[in-house]
Amino acid sequence: MGLAAIKTWALQGVLATLLVVFVLGIFGWLKFKRDERIVTGFLKRSGIETGRIPATTQAISSATKLSEERIGKVCSKSTLIRRSRREKGSWKLS
């Protein structure tokens, strides 16, 4: 196998790796946006009924069937949701 063939294989390997990273990144982003939409929808619905009282991580998890860990990650990362200053572990819309 010549040097040119090795360079071609190496380049193909790098490109394949970059493609996999890109595709996994897109899937992760889509999952985040789906979960963000679910959580913001719950907060919008509960805000109308409760006068915009923040919802706890447990309440959001119970209503949306997303894990508490996932709720924490989504709410911390989202620009649409913010942590309640008054109630620890509670979230509200920005």
PDB file of N, CA and C in Angstrom:
ATOM      1  N   MET A   1       0.855  -1.176   0.000  1.00  0.00           N
ATOM      2  CA  MET A   1       0.000   0.000   0.000  1.00  0.00           C
ATOM      3  C   MET A   1       0.895   1.231   0.000  1.00  0.00           C
ATOM      4  N   GLY A   2       0.646   2.129  -0.912  1.00  0.00           N
ATOM      5  CA  GLY A   2       1.476   3.317  -1.052  1.00  0.00           C
ATOM      6  C   GLY A   2       1.065   4.421  -0.108  1.00  0.00           C
ATOM      7  N   LEU A   3       1.893   5.435  -0.046  1.00  0.00           N
ATOM      8  CA  LEU A   3       1.649   6.586   0.817  1.00  0.00           C
ATOM      9  C   LEU A   3       0.360   7.309   0.429  1.00  0.00           C
ATOM     10  N   ALA A   4       0.077   7.407  -0.854  1.00  0.00           N
ATOM     11  CA  ALA A   4      -1.145   8.076  -1.326  1.00  0.00           C
ATOM     12  C   ALA A   4      -2.393   7.334  -0.838  1.00  0.00           C
ATOM     13  N   ALA A   5      -2.345   6.006  -0.850  1.00  0.00           N
ATOM     14  CA  ALA A   5      -3.492   5.209  -0.382  1.00  0.00           C
ATOM     15  C   ALA A   5      -3.703   5.393   1.113  1.00  0.00           C
ATOM     16  N   ILE A   6      -2.609   5.457   1.854  1.00  0.00           N
ATOM     17  CA  ILE A   6      -2.714   5.655   3.309  1.00  0.00           C
ATOM     18  C   ILE A   6      -3.298   7.033   3.609  1.00  0.00           C
ATOM     19  N   LYS A   7      -2.852   8.048   2.867  1.00  0.00           N
ATOM     20  CA  LYS A   7      -3.393   9.399   3.058  1.00  0.00           C
ATOM     21  C   LYS A   7      -4.882   9.436   2.726  1.00  0.00           C
ATOM     22  N   THR A   8      -5.282   8.731   1.686  1.00  0.00           N
ATOM     23  CA  THR A   8      -6.694   8.682   1.302  1.00  0.00           C
ATOM     24  C   THR A   8      -7.528   8.017   2.388  1.00  0.00           C
ATOM     25  N   TRP A   9      -7.031   6.898   2.925  1.00  0.00           N
ATOM     26  CA  TRP A   9      -7.752   6.201   3.992  1.00  0.00           C
ATOM     27  C   TRP A   9      -7.838   7.074   5.243  1.00  0.00           C
ATOM     28  N   ALA A  10      -6.749   7.756   5.559  1.00  0.00           N
ATOM     29  CA  ALA A  10      -6.751   8.630   6.736  1.00  0.00           C
ATOM     30  C   ALA A  10      -7.749   9.767   6.555  1.00  0.00           C
ATOM     31  N   LEU A  11      -7.757  10.366   5.373  1.00  0.00           N
ATOM     32  CA  LEU A  11      -8.702  11.448   5.094  1.00  0.00           C
ATOM     33  C   LEU A  11     -10.139  10.949   5.168  1.00  0.00           C
ATOM     34  N   GLN A  12     -10.409   9.774   4.612  1.00  0.00           N
ATOM     35  CA  GLN A  12     -11.752   9.196   4.681  1.00  0.00           C
ATOM     36  C   GLN A  12     -12.149   8.919   6.134  1.00  0.00           C
ATOM     37  N   GLY A  13     -11.207   8.459   6.930  1.00  0.00           N
ATOM     38  CA  GLY A  13     -11.494   8.206   8.345  1.00  0.00           C
ATOM     39  C   GLY A  13     -11.840   9.477   9.097  1.00  0.00           C
ATOM     40  N   VAL A  14     -11.078  10.534   8.833  1.00  0.00           N
ATOM     41  CA  VAL A  14     -11.346  11.829   9.471  1.00  0.00           C
ATOM     42  C   VAL A  14     -12.700  12.362   9.046  1.00  0.00           C
ATOM     43  N   LEU A  15     -12.994  12.294   7.750  1.00  0.00           N
ATOM     44  CA  LEU A  15     -14.285  12.782   7.241  1.00  0.00           C
ATOM     45  C   LEU A  15     -15.455  11.969   7.805  1.00  0.00           C
ATOM     46  N   ALA A  16     -15.284  10.662   7.908  1.00  0.00           N
ATOM     47  CA  ALA A  16     -16.339   9.820   8.474  1.00  0.00           C
ATOM     48  C   ALA A  16     -16.565  10.170   9.941  1.00  0.00           C
ATOM     49  N   THR A  17     -15.496  10.406  10.672  1.00  0.00           N
ATOM     50  CA  THR A  17     -15.613  10.778  12.086  1.00  0.00           C
ATOM     51  C   THR A  17     -16.331  12.114  12.233  1.00  0.00           C
ATOM     52  N   LEU A  18     -15.947  13.085  11.415  1.00  0.00           N
ATOM     53  CA  LEU A  18     -16.607  14.396  11.461  1.00  0.00           C
ATOM     54  C   LEU A  18     -18.086  14.289  11.119  1.00  0.00           C
ATOM     55  N   LEU A  19     -18.421  13.455  10.153  1.00  0.00           N
ATOM     56  CA  LEU A  19     -19.819  13.263   9.775  1.00  0.00           C
ATOM     57  C   LEU A  19     -20.616  12.658  10.931  1.00  0.00           C
ATOM     58  N   VAL A  20     -20.044  11.662  11.588  1.00  0.00           N
ATOM     59  CA  VAL A  20     -20.722  11.030  12.728  1.00  0.00           C
ATOM     60  C   VAL A  20     -20.924  12.041  13.852  1.00  0.00           C
ATOM     61  N   VAL A  21     -19.903  12.834  14.157  1.00  0.00           N
ATOM     62  CA  VAL A  21     -20.010  13.854  15.208  1.00  0.00           C
ATOM     63  C   VAL A  21     -21.091  14.868  14.839  1.00  0.00           C
ATOM     64  N   PHE A  22     -21.124  15.284  13.580  1.00  0.00           N
ATOM     65  CA  PHE A  22     -22.128  16.237  13.125  1.00  0.00           C
ATOM     66  C   PHE A  22     -23.538  15.668  13.257  1.00  0.00           C
ATOM     67  N   VAL A  23     -23.744  14.443  12.807  1.00  0.00           N
ATOM     68  CA  VAL A  23     -25.070  13.808  12.869  1.00  0.00           C
ATOM     69  C   VAL A  23     -25.510  13.630  14.320  1.00  0.00           C
ATOM     70  N   LEU A  24     -24.609  13.166  15.186  1.00  0.00           N
ATOM     71  CA  LEU A  24     -24.957  13.012  16.601  1.00  0.00           C
ATOM     72  C   LEU A  24     -25.273  14.358  17.241  1.00  0.00           C
ATOM     73  N   GLY A  25     -24.551  15.392  16.848  1.00  0.00           N
ATOM     74  CA  GLY A  25     -24.831  16.737  17.352  1.00  0.00           C
ATOM     75  C   GLY A  25     -26.209  17.218  16.938  1.00  0.00           C
ATOM     76  N   ILE A  26     -26.575  16.965  15.702  1.00  0.00           N
ATOM     77  CA  ILE A  26     -27.908  17.351  15.213  1.00  0.00           C
ATOM     78  C   ILE A  26     -28.994  16.607  15.988  1.00  0.00           C
ATOM     79  N   PHE A  27     -28.803  15.295  16.177  1.00  0.00           N
ATOM     80  CA  PHE A  27     -29.796  14.526  16.933  1.00  0.00           C
ATOM     81  C   PHE A  27     -29.908  15.018  18.370  1.00  0.00           C
ATOM     82  N   GLY A  28     -28.792  15.348  18.994  1.00  0.00           N
ATOM     83  CA  GLY A  28     -28.808  15.889  20.360  1.00  0.00           C
ATOM     84  C   GLY A  28     -29.542  17.210  20.428  1.00  0.00           C
ATOM     85  N   TRP A  29     -29.285  18.081  19.443  1.00  0.00           N
ATOM     86  CA  TRP A  29     -29.952  19.375  19.398  1.00  0.00           C
ATOM     87  C   TRP A  29     -31.453  19.210  19.194  1.00  0.00           C
ATOM     88  N   LEU A  30     -31.845  18.300  18.284  1.00  0.00           N
ATOM     89  CA  LEU A  30     -33.270  18.057  18.045  1.00  0.00           C
ATOM     90  C   LEU A  30     -33.955  17.510  19.295  1.00  0.00           C
ATOM     91  N   LYS A  31     -33.279  16.616  20.021  1.00  0.00           N
ATOM     92  CA  LYS A  31     -33.836  16.070  21.262  1.00  0.00           C
ATOM     93  C   LYS A  31     -34.005  17.184  22.290  1.00  0.00           C
ATOM     94  N   PHE A  32     -32.998  18.053  22.405  1.00  0.00           N
ATOM     95  CA  PHE A  32     -33.094  19.179  23.340  1.00  0.00           C
ATOM     96  C   PHE A  32     -34.272  20.080  22.982  1.00  0.00           C
ATOM     97  N   LYS A  33     -34.412  20.428  21.696  1.00  0.00           N
ATOM     98  CA  LYS A  33     -35.506  21.319  21.282  1.00  0.00           C
ATOM     99  C   LYS A  33     -36.869  20.680  21.531  1.00  0.00           C
ATOM    100  N   ARG A  34     -36.976  19.360  21.314  1.00  0.00           N
ATOM    101  CA  ARG A  34     -38.234  18.665  21.596  1.00  0.00           C
ATOM    102  C   ARG A  34     -38.552  18.744  23.088  1.00  0.00           C
ATOM    103  N   ASP A  35     -37.559  18.433  23.919  1.00  0.00           N
ATOM    104  CA  ASP A  35     -37.775  18.468  25.363  1.00  0.00           C
ATOM    105  C   ASP A  35     -38.054  19.886  25.855  1.00  0.00           C
ATOM    106  N   GLU A  36     -37.368  20.877  25.276  1.00  0.00           N
ATOM    107  CA  GLU A  36     -37.602  22.271  25.638  1.00  0.00           C
ATOM    108  C   GLU A  36     -39.045  22.670  25.314  1.00  0.00           C
ATOM    109  N   ARG A  37     -39.527  22.231  24.146  1.00  0.00           N
ATOM    110  CA  ARG A  37     -40.910  22.534  23.746  1.00  0.00           C
ATOM    111  C   ARG A  37     -41.910  21.900  24.714  1.00  0.00           C
ATOM    112  N   ILE A  38     -41.625  20.676  25.140  1.00  0.00           N
ATOM    113  CA  ILE A  38     -42.507  19.984  26.091  1.00  0.00           C
ATOM    114  C   ILE A  38     -42.545  20.733  27.419  1.00  0.00           C
ATOM    115  N   VAL A  39     -41.381  21.124  27.918  1.00  0.00           N
ATOM    116  CA  VAL A  39     -41.308  21.806  29.222  1.00  0.00           C
ATOM    117  C   VAL A  39     -41.932  23.191  29.148  1.00  0.00           C
ATOM    118  N   THR A  40     -41.625  23.958  28.093  1.00  0.00           N
ATOM    119  CA  THR A  40     -42.216  25.296  27.991  1.00  0.00           C
ATOM    120  C   THR A  40     -43.733  25.208  27.814  1.00  0.00           C
ATOM    121  N   GLY A  41     -44.199  24.200  27.097  1.00  0.00           N
ATOM    122  CA  GLY A  41     -45.652  24.006  26.972  1.00  0.00           C
ATOM    123  C   GLY A  41     -46.293  23.750  28.317  1.00  0.00           C
ATOM    124  N   PHE A  42     -45.663  22.907  29.121  1.00  0.00           N
ATOM    125  CA  PHE A  42     -46.190  22.648  30.465  1.00  0.00           C
ATOM    126  C   PHE A  42     -46.178  23.928  31.302  1.00  0.00           C
ATOM    127  N   LEU A  43     -45.079  24.688  31.247  1.00  0.00           N
ATOM    128  CA  LEU A  43     -44.997  25.916  32.046  1.00  0.00           C
ATOM    129  C   LEU A  43     -46.024  26.945  31.601  1.00  0.00           C
ATOM    130  N   LYS A  44     -46.280  27.023  30.290  1.00  0.00           N
ATOM    131  CA  LYS A  44     -47.304  27.952  29.805  1.00  0.00           C
ATOM    132  C   LYS A  44     -48.681  27.549  30.314  1.00  0.00           C
ATOM    133  N   ARG A  45     -48.985  26.253  30.225  1.00  0.00           N
ATOM    134  CA  ARG A  45     -50.295  25.776  30.692  1.00  0.00           C
ATOM    135  C   ARG A  45     -50.434  25.953  32.202  1.00  0.00           C
ATOM    136  N   SER A  46     -49.415  25.638  32.949  1.00  0.00           N
ATOM    137  CA  SER A  46     -49.517  25.731  34.408  1.00  0.00           C
ATOM    138  C   SER A  46     -49.485  27.177  34.876  1.00  0.00           C
ATOM    139  N   GLY A  47     -48.849  28.069  34.118  1.00  0.00           N
ATOM    140  CA  GLY A  47     -48.801  29.478  34.487  1.00  0.00           C
ATOM    141  C   GLY A  47     -50.163  30.131  34.453  1.00  0.00           C
ATOM    142  N   ILE A  48     -50.988  29.718  33.516  1.00  0.00           N
ATOM    143  CA  ILE A  48     -52.339  30.268  33.410  1.00  0.00           C
ATOM    144  C   ILE A  48     -53.165  29.862  34.621  1.00  0.00           C
ATOM    145  N   GLU A  49     -52.993  28.611  35.034  1.00  0.00           N
ATOM    146  CA  GLU A  49     -53.798  28.093  36.142  1.00  0.00           C
ATOM    147  C   GLU A  49     -53.287  28.536  37.504  1.00  0.00           C
ATOM    148  N   THR A  50     -51.997  28.779  37.634  1.00  0.00           N
ATOM    149  CA  THR A  50     -51.433  29.043  38.956  1.00  0.00           C
ATOM    150  C   THR A  50     -50.945  30.471  39.139  1.00  0.00           C
ATOM    151  N   GLY A  51     -51.203  31.340  38.195  1.00  0.00           N
ATOM    152  CA  GLY A  51     -50.752  32.713  38.335  1.00  0.00           C
ATOM    153  C   GLY A  51     -49.245  32.860  38.192  1.00  0.00           C
ATOM    154  N   ARG A  52     -48.637  32.047  37.333  1.00  0.00           N
ATOM    155  CA  ARG A  52     -47.206  32.095  37.034  1.00  0.00           C
ATOM    156  C   ARG A  52     -46.325  31.729  38.228  1.00  0.00           C
ATOM    157  N   ILE A  53     -46.819  30.891  39.081  1.00  0.00           N
ATOM    158  CA  ILE A  53     -45.998  30.354  40.163  1.00  0.00           C
ATOM    159  C   ILE A  53     -45.034  29.351  39.548  1.00  0.00           C
ATOM    160  N   PRO A  54     -43.763  29.397  39.917  1.00  0.00           N
ATOM    161  CA  PRO A  54     -42.810  28.468  39.301  1.00  0.00           C
ATOM    162  C   PRO A  54     -43.154  27.014  39.610  1.00  0.00           C
ATOM    163  N   ALA A  55     -42.811  26.148  38.692  1.00  0.00           N
ATOM    164  CA  ALA A  55     -43.064  24.718  38.863  1.00  0.00           C
ATOM    165  C   ALA A  55     -41.774  24.024  39.291  1.00  0.00           C
ATOM    166  N   THR A  56     -41.883  23.076  40.184  1.00  0.00           N
ATOM    167  CA  THR A  56     -40.714  22.338  40.641  1.00  0.00           C
ATOM    168  C   THR A  56     -40.275  21.339  39.579  1.00  0.00           C
ATOM    169  N   THR A  57     -39.023  20.928  39.695  1.00  0.00           N
ATOM    170  CA  THR A  57     -38.490  19.919  38.788  1.00  0.00           C
ATOM    171  C   THR A  57     -39.332  18.655  38.865  1.00  0.00           C
ATOM    172  N   GLN A  58     -39.734  18.267  40.083  1.00  0.00           N
ATOM    173  CA  GLN A  58     -40.532  17.057  40.261  1.00  0.00           C
ATOM    174  C   GLN A  58     -41.898  17.189  39.588  1.00  0.00           C
ATOM    175  N   ALA A  59     -42.525  18.351  39.711  1.00  0.00           N
ATOM    176  CA  ALA A  59     -43.845  18.551  39.103  1.00  0.00           C
ATOM    177  C   ALA A  59     -43.753  18.495  37.575  1.00  0.00           C
ATOM    178  N   ILE A  60     -42.727  19.124  37.018  1.00  0.00           N
ATOM    179  CA  ILE A  60     -42.543  19.103  35.567  1.00  0.00           C
ATOM    180  C   ILE A  60     -42.277  17.681  35.098  1.00  0.00           C
ATOM    181  N   SER A  61     -41.419  16.974  35.832  1.00  0.00           N
ATOM    182  CA  SER A  61     -41.088  15.593  35.486  1.00  0.00           C
ATOM    183  C   SER A  61     -42.327  14.708  35.510  1.00  0.00           C
ATOM    184  N   SER A  62     -43.125  14.853  36.536  1.00  0.00           N
ATOM    185  CA  SER A  62     -44.330  14.043  36.672  1.00  0.00           C
ATOM    186  C   SER A  62     -45.319  14.311  35.535  1.00  0.00           C
ATOM    187  N   ALA A  63     -45.473  15.574  35.174  1.00  0.00           N
ATOM    188  CA  ALA A  63     -46.449  15.937  34.145  1.00  0.00           C
ATOM    189  C   ALA A  63     -45.974  15.607  32.738  1.00  0.00           C
ATOM    190  N   THR A  64     -44.664  15.683  32.508  1.00  0.00           N
ATOM    191  CA  THR A  64     -44.148  15.503  31.152  1.00  0.00           C
ATOM    192  C   THR A  64     -43.578  14.115  30.890  1.00  0.00           C
ATOM    193  N   LYS A  65     -43.385  13.336  31.942  1.00  0.00           N
ATOM    194  CA  LYS A  65     -42.783  12.001  31.838  1.00  0.00           C
ATOM    195  C   LYS A  65     -41.310  12.044  31.412  1.00  0.00           C
ATOM    196  N   LEU A  66     -40.662  13.202  31.576  1.00  0.00           N
ATOM    197  CA  LEU A  66     -39.225  13.320  31.368  1.00  0.00           C
ATOM    198  C   LEU A  66     -38.551  13.159  32.731  1.00  0.00           C
ATOM    199  N   SER A  67     -37.354  12.607  32.757  1.00  0.00           N
ATOM    200  CA  SER A  67     -36.664  12.402  34.031  1.00  0.00           C
ATOM    201  C   SER A  67     -36.317  13.748  34.670  1.00  0.00           C
ATOM    202  N   GLU A  68     -36.187  13.748  35.994  1.00  0.00           N
ATOM    203  CA  GLU A  68     -35.813  14.968  36.695  1.00  0.00           C
ATOM    204  C   GLU A  68     -34.444  15.457  36.239  1.00  0.00           C
ATOM    205  N   GLU A  69     -33.548  14.527  35.962  1.00  0.00           N
ATOM    206  CA  GLU A  69     -32.220  14.896  35.472  1.00  0.00           C
ATOM    207  C   GLU A  69     -32.326  15.615  34.129  1.00  0.00           C
ATOM    208  N   ARG A  70     -33.176  15.095  33.241  1.00  0.00           N
ATOM    209  CA  ARG A  70     -33.353  15.711  31.924  1.00  0.00           C
ATOM    210  C   ARG A  70     -33.995  17.087  32.061  1.00  0.00           C
ATOM    211  N   ILE A  71     -34.973  17.219  32.961  1.00  0.00           N
ATOM    212  CA  ILE A  71     -35.621  18.511  33.195  1.00  0.00           C
ATOM    213  C   ILE A  71     -34.573  19.530  33.635  1.00  0.00           C
ATOM    214  N   GLY A  72     -33.718  19.142  34.571  1.00  0.00           N
ATOM    215  CA  GLY A  72     -32.679  20.046  35.061  1.00  0.00           C
ATOM    216  C   GLY A  72     -31.746  20.494  33.943  1.00  0.00           C
ATOM    217  N   LYS A  73     -31.345  19.568  33.086  1.00  0.00           N
ATOM    218  CA  LYS A  73     -30.453  19.908  31.978  1.00  0.00           C
ATOM    219  C   LYS A  73     -31.130  20.841  30.982  1.00  0.00           C
ATOM    220  N   VAL A  74     -32.359  20.514  30.621  1.00  0.00           N
ATOM    221  CA  VAL A  74     -33.076  21.324  29.640  1.00  0.00           C
ATOM    222  C   VAL A  74     -33.332  22.725  30.193  1.00  0.00           C
ATOM    223  N   CYS A  75     -33.807  22.800  31.419  1.00  0.00           N
ATOM    224  CA  CYS A  75     -34.133  24.107  31.996  1.00  0.00           C
ATOM    225  C   CYS A  75     -32.880  24.959  32.201  1.00  0.00           C
ATOM    226  N   SER A  76     -31.778  24.346  32.582  1.00  0.00           N
ATOM    227  CA  SER A  76     -30.533  25.097  32.784  1.00  0.00           C
ATOM    228  C   SER A  76     -29.979  25.628  31.465  1.00  0.00           C
ATOM    229  N   LYS A  77     -30.134  24.872  30.404  1.00  0.00           N
ATOM    230  CA  LYS A  77     -29.568  25.226  29.105  1.00  0.00           C
ATOM    231  C   LYS A  77     -30.470  26.157  28.296  1.00  0.00           C
ATOM    232  N   SER A  78     -31.756  26.107  28.528  1.00  0.00           N
ATOM    233  CA  SER A  78     -32.714  26.848  27.720  1.00  0.00           C
ATOM    234  C   SER A  78     -32.668  28.350  27.999  1.00  0.00           C
ATOM    235  N   THR A  79     -32.814  29.129  26.936  1.00  0.00           N
ATOM    236  CA  THR A  79     -32.935  30.580  27.104  1.00  0.00           C
ATOM    237  C   THR A  79     -34.386  30.992  27.346  1.00  0.00           C
ATOM    238  N   LEU A  80     -35.308  30.058  27.187  1.00  0.00           N
ATOM    239  CA  LEU A  80     -36.729  30.347  27.375  1.00  0.00           C
ATOM    240  C   LEU A  80     -37.187  30.099  28.808  1.00  0.00           C
ATOM    241  N   ILE A  81     -36.361  29.423  29.585  1.00  0.00           N
ATOM    242  CA  ILE A  81     -36.719  29.012  30.942  1.00  0.00           C
ATOM    243  C   ILE A  81     -35.650  29.535  31.892  1.00  0.00           C
ATOM    244  N   ARG A  82     -36.087  29.972  33.072  1.00  0.00           N
ATOM    245  CA  ARG A  82     -35.108  30.408  34.062  1.00  0.00           C
ATOM    246  C   ARG A  82     -35.439  29.822  35.426  1.00  0.00           C
ATOM    247  N   ARG A  83     -34.424  29.736  36.236  1.00  0.00           N
ATOM    248  CA  ARG A  83     -34.577  29.211  37.596  1.00  0.00           C
ATOM    249  C   ARG A  83     -35.287  30.257  38.458  1.00  0.00           C
ATOM    250  N   SER A  84     -36.172  29.794  39.305  1.00  0.00           N
ATOM    251  CA  SER A  84     -36.856  30.690  40.228  1.00  0.00           C
ATOM    252  C   SER A  84     -35.865  31.152  41.288  1.00  0.00           C
ATOM    253  N   ARG A  85     -35.869  32.421  41.574  1.00  0.00           N
ATOM    254  CA  ARG A  85     -34.966  32.958  42.597  1.00  0.00           C
ATOM    255  C   ARG A  85     -35.470  32.645  43.999  1.00  0.00           C
ATOM    256  N   ARG A  86     -36.763  32.520  44.136  1.00  0.00           N
ATOM    257  CA  ARG A  86     -37.359  32.313  45.463  1.00  0.00           C
ATOM    258  C   ARG A  86     -37.411  30.858  45.886  1.00  0.00           C
ATOM    259  N   GLU A  87     -37.727  29.990  44.939  1.00  0.00           N
ATOM    260  CA  GLU A  87     -37.905  28.574  45.272  1.00  0.00           C
ATOM    261  C   GLU A  87     -36.819  27.739  44.617  1.00  0.00           C
ATOM    262  N   LYS A  88     -35.987  27.121  45.419  1.00  0.00           N
ATOM    263  CA  LYS A  88     -34.903  26.283  44.903  1.00  0.00           C
ATOM    264  C   LYS A  88     -35.504  25.083  44.172  1.00  0.00           C
ATOM    265  N   GLY A  89     -34.928  24.739  43.018  1.00  0.00           N
ATOM    266  CA  GLY A  89     -35.404  23.592  42.249  1.00  0.00           C
ATOM    267  C   GLY A  89     -36.695  23.865  41.508  1.00  0.00           C
ATOM    268  N   SER A  90     -37.004  25.147  41.290  1.00  0.00           N
ATOM    269  CA  SER A  90     -38.226  25.515  40.569  1.00  0.00           C
ATOM    270  C   SER A  90     -37.862  26.347  39.350  1.00  0.00           C
ATOM    271  N   TRP A  91     -38.724  26.279  38.358  1.00  0.00           N
ATOM    272  CA  TRP A  91     -38.466  26.908  37.064  1.00  0.00           C
ATOM    273  C   TRP A  91     -39.664  27.694  36.605  1.00  0.00           C
ATOM    274  N   LYS A  92     -39.404  28.733  35.811  1.00  0.00           N
ATOM    275  CA  LYS A  92     -40.478  29.524  35.204  1.00  0.00           C
ATOM    276  C   LYS A  92     -40.019  30.011  33.846  1.00  0.00           C
ATOM    277  N   LEU A  93     -40.952  30.490  33.052  1.00  0.00           N
ATOM    278  CA  LEU A  93     -40.613  31.013  31.725  1.00  0.00           C
ATOM    279  C   LEU A  93     -39.884  32.342  31.880  1.00  0.00           C
ATOM    280  N   SER A  94     -38.960  32.592  30.975  1.00  0.00           N
ATOM    281  CA  SER A  94     -38.188  33.853  31.002  1.00  0.00           C
ATOM    282  C   SER A  94     -39.072  35.019  30.624  1.00  0.00           C
TER     283      SER A  94
END
